Amino acid sequence: MKIDGVKVFTFKEMTLATRNFDSSTQLGRGGYGKVYRGILSDDTIVAIKRAEEGSLQGEKEFLTEIELLSRLHHRNLVSLVGYCISDNERLLMYEFVPNKT
C-alpha cells in the first residue's frame, strides 16, 4: 500500500532508530503496544508505536488507521511520518513532540 506523504520504512530502519527497541528508548505503553523514541539516519527524532502480539488491532484496522492519519492535519494532532509492515510486525512512526502525550 502506498499513501502520498507517508513513507514506508523497513523493520531494519525502525530497529536502528530505536537501538533495537532498547528499553531506554521506551516512552510509554498503551493498548496497542509500546511507544519508543527513535532517531532516523538524518537525525530526525520520531515516536514509534510498535504493536504487541495480541493487540486488539487487526490488519484491516491497522491499514485504515494509516490511511486516516495520512489525511488528518491539525495543530493538536501529531503527524504520521510513516509505517512498517514486516512479517508479524506492525509499526507506526509519528512526529516527536517532547514532553507531550
PDB file of N, CA and C in Angstrom:
ATOM      1  N   MET A   1       0.837  -1.170   0.000  1.00  0.00           N
ATOM      2  CA  MET A   1       0.000   0.000   0.000  1.00  0.00           C
ATOM      3  C   MET A   1       0.886   1.239   0.000  1.00  0.00           C
ATOM      4  N   LYS A   2       0.575   2.182  -0.848  1.00  0.00           N
ATOM      5  CA  LYS A   2       1.346   3.424  -0.964  1.00  0.00           C
ATOM      6  C   LYS A   2       0.398   4.592  -0.724  1.00  0.00           C
ATOM      7  N   ILE A   3       0.783   5.469   0.205  1.00  0.00           N
ATOM      8  CA  ILE A   3      -0.046   6.624   0.519  1.00  0.00           C
ATOM      9  C   ILE A   3       0.806   7.878   0.378  1.00  0.00           C
ATOM     10  N   ASP A   4       0.291   8.883  -0.324  1.00  0.00           N
ATOM     11  CA  ASP A   4       1.030  10.127  -0.538  1.00  0.00           C
ATOM     12  C   ASP A   4       1.407  10.770   0.792  1.00  0.00           C
ATOM     13  N   GLY A   5       2.668  11.184   0.914  1.00  0.00           N
ATOM     14  CA  GLY A   5       3.137  11.894   2.076  1.00  0.00           C
ATOM     15  C   GLY A   5       3.515  11.026   3.262  1.00  0.00           C
ATOM     16  N   VAL A   6       3.335   9.718   3.145  1.00  0.00           N
ATOM     17  CA  VAL A   6       3.662   8.799   4.231  1.00  0.00           C
ATOM     18  C   VAL A   6       4.703   7.814   3.727  1.00  0.00           C
ATOM     19  N   LYS A   7       5.810   7.758   4.422  1.00  0.00           N
ATOM     20  CA  LYS A   7       6.918   6.914   3.981  1.00  0.00           C
ATOM     21  C   LYS A   7       6.773   5.492   4.526  1.00  0.00           C
ATOM     22  N   VAL A   8       7.169   4.538   3.714  1.00  0.00           N
ATOM     23  CA  VAL A   8       7.211   3.149   4.142  1.00  0.00           C
ATOM     24  C   VAL A   8       8.638   2.869   4.614  1.00  0.00           C
ATOM     25  N   PHE A   9       8.772   2.424   5.857  1.00  0.00           N
ATOM     26  CA  PHE A   9      10.073   2.111   6.434  1.00  0.00           C
ATOM     27  C   PHE A   9      10.248   0.606   6.528  1.00  0.00           C
ATOM     28  N   THR A  10      11.479   0.174   6.519  1.00  0.00           N
ATOM     29  CA  THR A  10      11.764  -1.244   6.735  1.00  0.00           C
ATOM     30  C   THR A  10      11.843  -1.492   8.235  1.00  0.00           C
ATOM     31  N   PHE A  11      11.697  -2.737   8.614  1.00  0.00           N
ATOM     32  CA  PHE A  11      11.823  -3.084  10.026  1.00  0.00           C
ATOM     33  C   PHE A  11      13.238  -2.784  10.508  1.00  0.00           C
ATOM     34  N   LYS A  12      14.212  -2.971   9.635  1.00  0.00           N
ATOM     35  CA  LYS A  12      15.600  -2.683   9.996  1.00  0.00           C
ATOM     36  C   LYS A  12      15.771  -1.198  10.328  1.00  0.00           C
ATOM     37  N   GLU A  13      15.155  -0.309   9.548  1.00  0.00           N
ATOM     38  CA  GLU A  13      15.234   1.126   9.819  1.00  0.00           C
ATOM     39  C   GLU A  13      14.612   1.455  11.181  1.00  0.00           C
ATOM     40  N   MET A  14      13.498   0.817  11.497  1.00  0.00           N
ATOM     41  CA  MET A  14      12.836   1.045  12.784  1.00  0.00           C
ATOM     42  C   MET A  14      13.710   0.532  13.930  1.00  0.00           C
ATOM     43  N   THR A  15      14.324  -0.610  13.710  1.00  0.00           N
ATOM     44  CA  THR A  15      15.196  -1.207  14.721  1.00  0.00           C
ATOM     45  C   THR A  15      16.413  -0.323  14.981  1.00  0.00           C
ATOM     46  N   LEU A  16      17.028   0.173  13.917  1.00  0.00           N
ATOM     47  CA  LEU A  16      18.185   1.059  14.068  1.00  0.00           C
ATOM     48  C   LEU A  16      17.812   2.357  14.778  1.00  0.00           C
ATOM     49  N   ALA A  17      16.653   2.902  14.442  1.00  0.00           N
ATOM     50  CA  ALA A  17      16.224   4.172  15.027  1.00  0.00           C
ATOM     51  C   ALA A  17      16.015   4.067  16.534  1.00  0.00           C
ATOM     52  N   THR A  18      15.594   2.897  17.001  1.00  0.00           N
ATOM     53  CA  THR A  18      15.282   2.704  18.427  1.00  0.00           C
ATOM     54  C   THR A  18      16.356   1.920  19.175  1.00  0.00           C
ATOM     55  N   ARG A  19      17.506   1.722  18.535  1.00  0.00           N
ATOM     56  CA  ARG A  19      18.581   0.907  19.108  1.00  0.00           C
ATOM     57  C   ARG A  19      18.051  -0.464  19.508  1.00  0.00           C
ATOM     58  N   ASN A  20      17.403  -1.111  18.536  1.00  0.00           N
ATOM     59  CA  ASN A  20      16.828  -2.449  18.715  1.00  0.00           C
ATOM     60  C   ASN A  20      15.730  -2.447  19.783  1.00  0.00           C
ATOM     61  N   PHE A  21      14.931  -1.399  19.793  1.00  0.00           N
ATOM     62  CA  PHE A  21      13.825  -1.257  20.738  1.00  0.00           C
ATOM     63  C   PHE A  21      14.313  -1.380  22.178  1.00  0.00           C
ATOM     64  N   ASP A  22      15.440  -0.736  22.424  1.00  0.00           N
ATOM     65  CA  ASP A  22      16.041  -0.744  23.750  1.00  0.00           C
ATOM     66  C   ASP A  22      15.084  -0.106  24.757  1.00  0.00           C
ATOM     67  N   SER A  23      15.027  -0.667  25.952  1.00  0.00           N
ATOM     68  CA  SER A  23      14.101  -0.158  26.971  1.00  0.00           C
ATOM     69  C   SER A  23      14.379   1.305  27.325  1.00  0.00           C
ATOM     70  N   SER A  24      15.611   1.756  27.134  1.00  0.00           N
ATOM     71  CA  SER A  24      15.933   3.157  27.440  1.00  0.00           C
ATOM     72  C   SER A  24      15.273   4.126  26.454  1.00  0.00           C
ATOM     73  N   THR A  25      14.803   3.626  25.316  1.00  0.00           N
ATOM     74  CA  THR A  25      14.140   4.483  24.331  1.00  0.00           C
ATOM     75  C   THR A  25      12.622   4.432  24.466  1.00  0.00           C
ATOM     76  N   GLN A  26      12.114   3.623  25.394  1.00  0.00           N
ATOM     77  CA  GLN A  26      10.667   3.490  25.551  1.00  0.00           C
ATOM     78  C   GLN A  26      10.083   4.739  26.200  1.00  0.00           C
ATOM     79  N   LEU A  27       9.051   5.297  25.548  1.00  0.00           N
ATOM     80  CA  LEU A  27       8.385   6.494  26.053  1.00  0.00           C
ATOM     81  C   LEU A  27       7.129   6.162  26.845  1.00  0.00           C
ATOM     82  N   GLY A  28       6.473   5.074  26.470  1.00  0.00           N
ATOM     83  CA  GLY A  28       5.219   4.727  27.122  1.00  0.00           C
ATOM     84  C   GLY A  28       4.659   3.429  26.589  1.00  0.00           C
ATOM     85  N   ARG A  29       3.455   3.133  27.077  1.00  0.00           N
ATOM     86  CA  ARG A  29       2.792   1.890  26.695  1.00  0.00           C
ATOM     87  C   ARG A  29       1.290   2.142  26.678  1.00  0.00           C
ATOM     88  N   GLY A  30       0.611   1.544  25.704  1.00  0.00           N
ATOM     89  CA  GLY A  30      -0.837   1.675  25.603  1.00  0.00           C
ATOM     90  C   GLY A  30      -1.460   0.354  25.191  1.00  0.00           C
ATOM     91  N   GLY A  31      -2.735   0.408  24.868  1.00  0.00           N
ATOM     92  CA  GLY A  31      -3.446  -0.795  24.461  1.00  0.00           C
ATOM     93  C   GLY A  31      -2.912  -1.393  23.174  1.00  0.00           C
ATOM     94  N   TYR A  32      -2.327  -0.565  22.350  1.00  0.00           N
ATOM     95  CA  TYR A  32      -1.776  -1.006  21.064  1.00  0.00           C
ATOM     96  C   TYR A  32      -0.414  -1.661  21.244  1.00  0.00           C
ATOM     97  N   GLY A  33       0.359  -1.137  22.171  1.00  0.00           N
ATOM     98  CA  GLY A  33       1.714  -1.641  22.366  1.00  0.00           C
ATOM     99  C   GLY A  33       2.584  -0.574  22.987  1.00  0.00           C
ATOM    100  N   LYS A  34       3.867  -0.674  22.758  1.00  0.00           N
ATOM    101  CA  LYS A  34       4.828   0.263  23.336  1.00  0.00           C
ATOM    102  C   LYS A  34       5.178   1.364  22.345  1.00  0.00           C
ATOM    103  N   VAL A  35       5.564   2.526  22.893  1.00  0.00           N
ATOM    104  CA  VAL A  35       5.986   3.661  22.081  1.00  0.00           C
ATOM    105  C   VAL A  35       7.441   3.958  22.421  1.00  0.00           C
ATOM    106  N   TYR A  36       8.252   4.111  21.381  1.00  0.00           N
ATOM    107  CA  TYR A  36       9.690   4.330  21.532  1.00  0.00           C
ATOM    108  C   TYR A  36      10.094   5.650  20.896  1.00  0.00           C
ATOM    109  N   ARG A  37      11.135   6.238  21.434  1.00  0.00           N
ATOM    110  CA  ARG A  37      11.760   7.409  20.823  1.00  0.00           C
ATOM    111  C   ARG A  37      12.796   6.880  19.836  1.00  0.00           C
ATOM    112  N   GLY A  38      12.745   7.381  18.627  1.00  0.00           N
ATOM    113  CA  GLY A  38      13.692   6.943  17.612  1.00  0.00           C
ATOM    114  C   GLY A  38      14.421   8.110  16.982  1.00  0.00           C
ATOM    115  N   ILE A  39      15.593   7.830  16.465  1.00  0.00           N
ATOM    116  CA  ILE A  39      16.360   8.844  15.733  1.00  0.00           C
ATOM    117  C   ILE A  39      16.677   8.259  14.360  1.00  0.00           C
ATOM    118  N   LEU A  40      16.197   8.947  13.329  1.00  0.00           N
ATOM    119  CA  LEU A  40      16.413   8.487  11.963  1.00  0.00           C
ATOM    120  C   LEU A  40      17.824   8.824  11.495  1.00  0.00           C
ATOM    121  N   SER A  41      18.210   8.278  10.370  1.00  0.00           N
ATOM    122  CA  SER A  41      19.566   8.496   9.840  1.00  0.00           C
ATOM    123  C   SER A  41      19.858   9.967   9.543  1.00  0.00           C
ATOM    124  N   ASP A  42      18.811  10.769   9.316  1.00  0.00           N
ATOM    125  CA  ASP A  42      19.015  12.208   9.083  1.00  0.00           C
ATOM    126  C   ASP A  42      18.888  13.019  10.383  1.00  0.00           C
ATOM    127  N   ASP A  43      18.933  12.340  11.529  1.00  0.00           N
ATOM    128  CA  ASP A  43      18.853  12.926  12.878  1.00  0.00           C
ATOM    129  C   ASP A  43      17.471  13.448  13.258  1.00  0.00           C
ATOM    130  N   THR A  44      16.449  13.118  12.493  1.00  0.00           N
ATOM    131  CA  THR A  44      15.088  13.471  12.860  1.00  0.00           C
ATOM    132  C   THR A  44      14.651  12.592  14.028  1.00  0.00           C
ATOM    133  N   ILE A  45      14.075  13.208  15.060  1.00  0.00           N
ATOM    134  CA  ILE A  45      13.574  12.455  16.209  1.00  0.00           C
ATOM    135  C   ILE A  45      12.098  12.144  15.962  1.00  0.00           C
ATOM    136  N   VAL A  46      11.728  10.889  16.191  1.00  0.00           N
ATOM    137  CA  VAL A  46      10.367  10.432  15.942  1.00  0.00           C
ATOM    138  C   VAL A  46       9.882   9.590  17.119  1.00  0.00           C
ATOM    139  N   ALA A  47       8.587   9.350  17.145  1.00  0.00           N
ATOM    140  CA  ALA A  47       7.982   8.419  18.099  1.00  0.00           C
ATOM    141  C   ALA A  47       7.479   7.220  17.288  1.00  0.00           C
ATOM    142  N   ILE A  48       7.825   6.019  17.736  1.00  0.00           N
ATOM    143  CA  ILE A  48       7.476   4.802  17.001  1.00  0.00           C
ATOM    144  C   ILE A  48       6.591   3.922  17.874  1.00  0.00           C
ATOM    145  N   LYS A  49       5.373   3.657  17.392  1.00  0.00           N
ATOM    146  CA  LYS A  49       4.446   2.760  18.084  1.00  0.00           C
ATOM    147  C   LYS A  49       4.614   1.366  17.505  1.00  0.00           C
ATOM    148  N   ARG A  50       4.908   0.407  18.380  1.00  0.00           N
ATOM    149  CA  ARG A  50       5.099  -0.973  17.949  1.00  0.00           C
ATOM    150  C   ARG A  50       3.976  -1.840  18.510  1.00  0.00           C
ATOM    151  N   ALA A  51       3.203  -2.436  17.624  1.00  0.00           N
ATOM    152  CA  ALA A  51       2.098  -3.292  18.053  1.00  0.00           C
ATOM    153  C   ALA A  51       2.638  -4.514  18.773  1.00  0.00           C
ATOM    154  N   GLU A  52       1.975  -4.866  19.852  1.00  0.00           N
ATOM    155  CA  GLU A  52       2.346  -6.076  20.567  1.00  0.00           C
ATOM    156  C   GLU A  52       1.501  -7.230  20.069  1.00  0.00           C
ATOM    157  N   GLU A  53       2.068  -8.403  20.140  1.00  0.00           N
ATOM    158  CA  GLU A  53       1.316  -9.596  19.781  1.00  0.00           C
ATOM    159  C   GLU A  53       0.092  -9.656  20.677  1.00  0.00           C
ATOM    160  N   GLY A  54      -1.041  -9.893  20.078  1.00  0.00           N
ATOM    161  CA  GLY A  54      -2.277  -9.949  20.853  1.00  0.00           C
ATOM    162  C   GLY A  54      -2.965  -8.608  21.004  1.00  0.00           C
ATOM    163  N   SER A  55      -2.422  -7.560  20.345  1.00  0.00           N
ATOM    164  CA  SER A  55      -3.095  -6.258  20.427  1.00  0.00           C
ATOM    165  C   SER A  55      -4.458  -6.399  19.752  1.00  0.00           C
ATOM    166  N   LEU A  56      -5.357  -5.538  20.133  1.00  0.00           N
ATOM    167  CA  LEU A  56      -6.729  -5.654  19.638  1.00  0.00           C
ATOM    168  C   LEU A  56      -6.888  -5.179  18.201  1.00  0.00           C
ATOM    169  N   GLN A  57      -5.847  -4.607  17.640  1.00  0.00           N
ATOM    170  CA  GLN A  57      -5.942  -4.060  16.300  1.00  0.00           C
ATOM    171  C   GLN A  57      -5.519  -5.101  15.274  1.00  0.00           C
ATOM    172  N   GLY A  58      -6.407  -5.369  14.328  1.00  0.00           N
ATOM    173  CA  GLY A  58      -6.110  -6.315  13.263  1.00  0.00           C
ATOM    174  C   GLY A  58      -5.533  -5.624  12.044  1.00  0.00           C
ATOM    175  N   GLU A  59      -5.273  -6.412  11.021  1.00  0.00           N
ATOM    176  CA  GLU A  59      -4.668  -5.899   9.788  1.00  0.00           C
ATOM    177  C   GLU A  59      -5.518  -4.809   9.140  1.00  0.00           C
ATOM    178  N   LYS A  60      -6.810  -5.042   9.046  1.00  0.00           N
ATOM    179  CA  LYS A  60      -7.693  -4.075   8.403  1.00  0.00           C
ATOM    180  C   LYS A  60      -7.712  -2.752   9.181  1.00  0.00           C
ATOM    181  N   GLU A  61      -7.774  -2.840  10.510  1.00  0.00           N
ATOM    182  CA  GLU A  61      -7.789  -1.642  11.339  1.00  0.00           C
ATOM    183  C   GLU A  61      -6.475  -0.885  11.237  1.00  0.00           C
ATOM    184  N   PHE A  62      -5.369  -1.626  11.170  1.00  0.00           N
ATOM    185  CA  PHE A  62      -4.052  -1.003  11.046  1.00  0.00           C
ATOM    186  C   PHE A  62      -3.956  -0.210   9.743  1.00  0.00           C
ATOM    187  N   LEU A  63      -4.365  -0.806   8.649  1.00  0.00           N
ATOM    188  CA  LEU A  63      -4.308  -0.128   7.347  1.00  0.00           C
ATOM    189  C   LEU A  63      -5.264   1.061   7.295  1.00  0.00           C
ATOM    190  N   THR A  64      -6.429   0.919   7.918  1.00  0.00           N
ATOM    191  CA  THR A  64      -7.390   2.024   7.970  1.00  0.00           C
ATOM    192  C   THR A  64      -6.815   3.185   8.769  1.00  0.00           C
ATOM    193  N   GLU A  65      -6.120   2.876   9.869  1.00  0.00           N
ATOM    194  CA  GLU A  65      -5.500   3.932  10.683  1.00  0.00           C
ATOM    195  C   GLU A  65      -4.443   4.688   9.889  1.00  0.00           C
ATOM    196  N   ILE A  66      -3.645   3.969   9.129  1.00  0.00           N
ATOM    197  CA  ILE A  66      -2.625   4.623   8.305  1.00  0.00           C
ATOM    198  C   ILE A  66      -3.283   5.558   7.299  1.00  0.00           C
ATOM    199  N   GLU A  67      -4.291   5.057   6.626  1.00  0.00           N
ATOM    200  CA  GLU A  67      -4.968   5.863   5.606  1.00  0.00           C
ATOM    201  C   GLU A  67      -5.637   7.092   6.220  1.00  0.00           C
ATOM    202  N   LEU A  68      -6.288   6.917   7.356  1.00  0.00           N
ATOM    203  CA  LEU A  68      -6.969   8.024   8.013  1.00  0.00           C
ATOM    204  C   LEU A  68      -5.969   9.052   8.541  1.00  0.00           C
ATOM    205  N   LEU A  69      -4.931   8.589   9.236  1.00  0.00           N
ATOM    206  CA  LEU A  69      -3.948   9.512   9.806  1.00  0.00           C
ATOM    207  C   LEU A  69      -3.174  10.272   8.739  1.00  0.00           C
ATOM    208  N   SER A  70      -3.024   9.681   7.571  1.00  0.00           N
ATOM    209  CA  SER A  70      -2.306  10.371   6.497  1.00  0.00           C
ATOM    210  C   SER A  70      -3.101  11.555   5.965  1.00  0.00           C
ATOM    211  N   ARG A  71      -4.396  11.559   6.213  1.00  0.00           N
ATOM    212  CA  ARG A  71      -5.256  12.644   5.725  1.00  0.00           C
ATOM    213  C   ARG A  71      -5.515  13.717   6.770  1.00  0.00           C
ATOM    214  N   LEU A  72      -5.326  13.375   8.052  1.00  0.00           N
ATOM    215  CA  LEU A  72      -5.610  14.314   9.127  1.00  0.00           C
ATOM    216  C   LEU A  72      -4.439  15.236   9.379  1.00  0.00           C
ATOM    217  N   HIS A  73      -4.722  16.513   9.433  1.00  0.00           N
ATOM    218  CA  HIS A  73      -3.700  17.503   9.755  1.00  0.00           C
ATOM    219  C   HIS A  73      -4.354  18.562  10.632  1.00  0.00           C
ATOM    220  N   HIS A  74      -3.889  18.633  11.861  1.00  0.00           N
ATOM    221  CA  HIS A  74      -4.432  19.584  12.819  1.00  0.00           C
ATOM    222  C   HIS A  74      -3.333  19.957  13.792  1.00  0.00           C
ATOM    223  N   ARG A  75      -3.326  21.181  14.271  1.00  0.00           N
ATOM    224  CA  ARG A  75      -2.255  21.638  15.149  1.00  0.00           C
ATOM    225  C   ARG A  75      -2.208  20.884  16.472  1.00  0.00           C
ATOM    226  N   ASN A  76      -3.291  20.239  16.868  1.00  0.00           N
ATOM    227  CA  ASN A  76      -3.315  19.484  18.119  1.00  0.00           C
ATOM    228  C   ASN A  76      -3.068  17.988  17.929  1.00  0.00           C
ATOM    229  N   LEU A  77      -2.777  17.577  16.727  1.00  0.00           N
ATOM    230  CA  LEU A  77      -2.508  16.165  16.442  1.00  0.00           C
ATOM    231  C   LEU A  77      -1.096  16.008  15.889  1.00  0.00           C
ATOM    232  N   VAL A  78      -0.391  14.977  16.364  1.00  0.00           N
ATOM    233  CA  VAL A  78       0.916  14.702  15.776  1.00  0.00           C
ATOM    234  C   VAL A  78       0.703  14.097  14.400  1.00  0.00           C
ATOM    235  N   SER A  79       1.634  14.356  13.512  1.00  0.00           N
ATOM    236  CA  SER A  79       1.527  13.853  12.146  1.00  0.00           C
ATOM    237  C   SER A  79       2.121  12.466  12.018  1.00  0.00           C
ATOM    238  N   LEU A  80       1.512  11.673  11.176  1.00  0.00           N
ATOM    239  CA  LEU A  80       2.051  10.362  10.848  1.00  0.00           C
ATOM    240  C   LEU A  80       3.188  10.565   9.857  1.00  0.00           C
ATOM    241  N   VAL A  81       4.359  10.051  10.193  1.00  0.00           N
ATOM    242  CA  VAL A  81       5.536  10.170   9.330  1.00  0.00           C
ATOM    243  C   VAL A  81       5.627   8.976   8.401  1.00  0.00           C
ATOM    244  N   GLY A  82       5.372   7.784   8.946  1.00  0.00           N
ATOM    245  CA  GLY A  82       5.489   6.575   8.143  1.00  0.00           C
ATOM    246  C   GLY A  82       5.033   5.352   8.904  1.00  0.00           C
ATOM    247  N   TYR A  83       5.228   4.216   8.280  1.00  0.00           N
ATOM    248  CA  TYR A  83       4.813   2.958   8.882  1.00  0.00           C
ATOM    249  C   TYR A  83       5.681   1.823   8.370  1.00  0.00           C
ATOM    250  N   CYS A  84       5.533   0.678   9.021  1.00  0.00           N
ATOM    251  CA  CYS A  84       6.260  -0.519   8.622  1.00  0.00           C
ATOM    252  C   CYS A  84       5.355  -1.720   8.797  1.00  0.00           C
ATOM    253  N   ILE A  85       5.279  -2.533   7.774  1.00  0.00           N
ATOM    254  CA  ILE A  85       4.602  -3.825   7.836  1.00  0.00           C
ATOM    255  C   ILE A  85       5.638  -4.850   7.414  1.00  0.00           C
ATOM    256  N   SER A  86       5.999  -5.730   8.355  1.00  0.00           N
ATOM    257  CA  SER A  86       7.035  -6.720   8.084  1.00  0.00           C
ATOM    258  C   SER A  86       6.721  -7.994   8.855  1.00  0.00           C
ATOM    259  N   ASP A  87       6.465  -9.062   8.141  1.00  0.00           N
ATOM    260  CA  ASP A  87       6.089 -10.332   8.778  1.00  0.00           C
ATOM    261  C   ASP A  87       4.979 -10.085   9.798  1.00  0.00           C
ATOM    262  N   ASN A  88       5.253 -10.312  11.073  1.00  0.00           N
ATOM    263  CA  ASN A  88       4.243 -10.101  12.118  1.00  0.00           C
ATOM    264  C   ASN A  88       4.365  -8.740  12.793  1.00  0.00           C
ATOM    265  N   GLU A  89       5.216  -7.878  12.288  1.00  0.00           N
ATOM    266  CA  GLU A  89       5.444  -6.564  12.890  1.00  0.00           C
ATOM    267  C   GLU A  89       4.573  -5.499  12.238  1.00  0.00           C
ATOM    268  N   ARG A  90       3.987  -4.655  13.097  1.00  0.00           N
ATOM    269  CA  ARG A  90       3.194  -3.510  12.650  1.00  0.00           C
ATOM    270  C   ARG A  90       3.643  -2.309  13.455  1.00  0.00           C
ATOM    271  N   LEU A  91       4.198  -1.305  12.764  1.00  0.00           N
ATOM    272  CA  LEU A  91       4.725  -0.131  13.451  1.00  0.00           C
ATOM    273  C   LEU A  91       4.231   1.143  12.774  1.00  0.00           C
ATOM    274  N   LEU A  92       3.971   2.148  13.598  1.00  0.00           N
ATOM    275  CA  LEU A  92       3.587   3.472  13.109  1.00  0.00           C
ATOM    276  C   LEU A  92       4.612   4.474  13.608  1.00  0.00           C
ATOM    277  N   MET A  93       5.023   5.392  12.744  1.00  0.00           N
ATOM    278  CA  MET A  93       6.002   6.403  13.106  1.00  0.00           C
ATOM    279  C   MET A  93       5.341   7.774  13.044  1.00  0.00           C
ATOM    280  N   TYR A  94       5.448   8.507  14.155  1.00  0.00           N
ATOM    281  CA  TYR A  94       4.870   9.830  14.278  1.00  0.00           C
ATOM    282  C   TYR A  94       5.943  10.878  14.495  1.00  0.00           C
ATOM    283  N   GLU A  95       5.581  12.151  14.252  1.00  0.00           N
ATOM    284  CA  GLU A  95       6.487  13.222  14.639  1.00  0.00           C
ATOM    285  C   GLU A  95       6.634  13.164  16.157  1.00  0.00           C
ATOM    286  N   PHE A  96       7.800  13.538  16.640  1.00  0.00           N
ATOM    287  CA  PHE A  96       8.061  13.512  18.073  1.00  0.00           C
ATOM    288  C   PHE A  96       7.787  14.897  18.647  1.00  0.00           C
ATOM    289  N   VAL A  97       7.009  14.926  19.711  1.00  0.00           N
ATOM    290  CA  VAL A  97       6.720  16.176  20.414  1.00  0.00           C
ATOM    291  C   VAL A  97       7.199  16.004  21.849  1.00  0.00           C
ATOM    292  N   PRO A  98       8.275  16.663  22.237  1.00  0.00           N
ATOM    293  CA  PRO A  98       8.812  16.475  23.583  1.00  0.00           C
ATOM    294  C   PRO A  98       7.845  16.929  24.666  1.00  0.00           C
ATOM    295  N   ASN A  99       7.833  16.176  25.763  1.00  0.00           N
ATOM    296  CA  ASN A  99       7.013  16.489  26.940  1.00  0.00           C
ATOM    297  C   ASN A  99       5.519  16.539  26.661  1.00  0.00           C
ATOM    298  N   LYS A 100       5.088  15.783  25.692  1.00  0.00           N
ATOM    299  CA  LYS A 100       3.658  15.721  25.366  1.00  0.00           C
ATOM    300  C   LYS A 100       3.236  14.258  25.286  1.00  0.00           C
ATOM    301  N   THR A 101       1.925  14.008  25.371  1.00  0.00           N
ATOM    302  CA  THR A 101       1.425  12.650  25.206  1.00  0.00           C
ATOM    303  C   THR A 101       0.873  12.476  23.815  1.00  0.00           C
TER     304      THR A 101
END
